[in-house]
Amino acid sequence: MTLADKPAAIGVEAEARAEIERRLAAIEAEEGVEILFAVESGSRAWGFASPDSDYDARFVYRHPRDWYLSVREARDVIERPILDD
């Protein structure tokens, strides 16, 4: 299943949703993971957005099976810096 197959976001402007989906797809490709669920967080999610509020997203993902079977310890967090203003 790709991000395009997943349900539409409610209340997110089409242009913003397209950019968020593009960035999530890039994370999947760069990190070699599958994003299972993404949710809006931050001021917009709580209904306190200002006109210049950004979009914050959190997501649940999974690595390929062999990542979990490795004897090497690996960091299991994906973080990205804030982009734009």
Protein backbone atom coordinates (compact mmCIF):
# COMPACT_ATOMS: atom_id res chain seq x y z
CA MET A 1 0.00 0.00 0.00
CA THR A 2 1.35 3.42 -0.89
CA LEU A 3 0.55 6.76 0.71
CA ALA A 4 -1.76 7.49 -2.22
CA ASP A 5 -3.85 4.45 -1.26
CA LYS A 6 -4.36 5.65 2.30
CA PRO A 7 -7.41 7.68 3.41
CA ALA A 8 -7.53 11.42 2.82
CA ALA A 9 -6.70 13.85 5.57
CA ILE A 10 -9.67 15.72 6.97
CA GLY A 11 -9.42 19.50 7.07
CA VAL A 12 -6.01 19.76 5.44
CA GLU A 13 -5.73 22.01 2.40
CA ALA A 14 -5.03 20.08 -0.82
CA GLU A 15 -1.71 21.84 -1.49
CA ALA A 16 -0.49 21.27 2.07
CA ARG A 17 -1.60 17.64 1.98
CA ALA A 18 0.28 17.06 -1.29
CA GLU A 19 3.47 18.52 0.23
CA ILE A 20 3.10 16.48 3.42
CA GLU A 21 2.55 13.30 1.39
CA ARG A 22 5.60 14.13 -0.75
CA ARG A 23 7.76 14.54 2.33
CA LEU A 24 6.44 11.35 3.93
CA ALA A 25 7.12 9.42 0.71
CA ALA A 26 10.66 10.83 0.71
CA ILE A 27 11.15 9.64 4.29
CA GLU A 28 9.96 6.16 3.29
CA ALA A 29 12.48 6.08 0.43
CA GLU A 30 15.39 7.59 2.38
CA GLU A 31 14.92 5.50 5.52
CA GLY A 32 13.75 2.25 3.88
CA VAL A 33 10.59 2.11 5.99
CA GLU A 34 6.86 1.89 5.38
CA ILE A 35 4.71 4.54 7.03
CA LEU A 36 1.63 2.80 8.39
CA PHE A 37 -0.17 5.76 9.93
CA ALA A 38 0.43 9.51 9.94
CA VAL A 39 -1.41 12.09 12.01
CA GLU A 40 -1.38 15.84 12.30
CA SER A 41 -0.07 17.13 15.61
CA GLY A 42 0.70 20.52 17.06
CA SER A 43 -1.40 23.66 17.07
CA ARG A 44 -3.51 22.73 14.03
CA ALA A 45 -4.52 19.41 15.57
CA TRP A 46 -5.61 21.18 18.75
CA GLY A 47 -7.53 23.90 16.92
CA PHE A 48 -5.16 26.69 17.95
CA ALA A 49 -3.56 27.39 14.58
CA SER A 50 -2.61 30.92 13.64
CA PRO A 51 -2.46 32.11 10.03
CA ASP A 52 1.28 31.33 9.92
CA SER A 53 1.13 27.94 11.68
CA ASP A 54 3.10 25.13 10.11
CA TYR A 55 1.99 21.52 9.79
CA ASP A 56 3.36 19.03 12.31
CA ALA A 57 3.10 15.32 11.58
CA ARG A 58 3.86 12.22 13.59
CA PHE A 59 3.83 8.78 12.13
CA VAL A 60 4.08 5.08 12.89
CA TYR A 61 6.33 3.10 10.61
CA ARG A 62 7.94 -0.27 10.22
CA HIS A 63 11.30 -1.41 9.01
CA PRO A 64 11.80 -4.47 6.82
CA ARG A 65 11.73 -7.73 8.79
CA ASP A 66 15.50 -8.20 8.78
CA TRP A 67 16.00 -4.87 10.54
CA TYR A 68 14.24 -6.35 13.59
CA LEU A 69 16.19 -9.62 13.39
CA SER A 70 19.60 -7.97 13.38
CA VAL A 71 21.92 -8.40 16.37
CA ARG A 72 23.13 -4.84 15.88
CA GLU A 73 21.44 -2.15 17.90
CA ALA A 74 19.99 0.58 15.69
CA ARG A 75 18.27 3.86 16.42
CA ASP A 76 14.51 3.51 16.00
CA VAL A 77 13.57 7.17 15.67
CA ILE A 78 13.15 9.24 12.52
CA GLU A 79 13.46 12.99 12.97
CA ARG A 80 13.59 15.78 10.46
CA PRO A 81 14.46 19.43 11.07
CA ILE A 82 11.82 22.10 10.69
CA LEU A 83 11.87 23.45 7.16
CA ASP A 84 10.58 26.76 5.90
CA ASP A 85 9.18 29.46 8.19
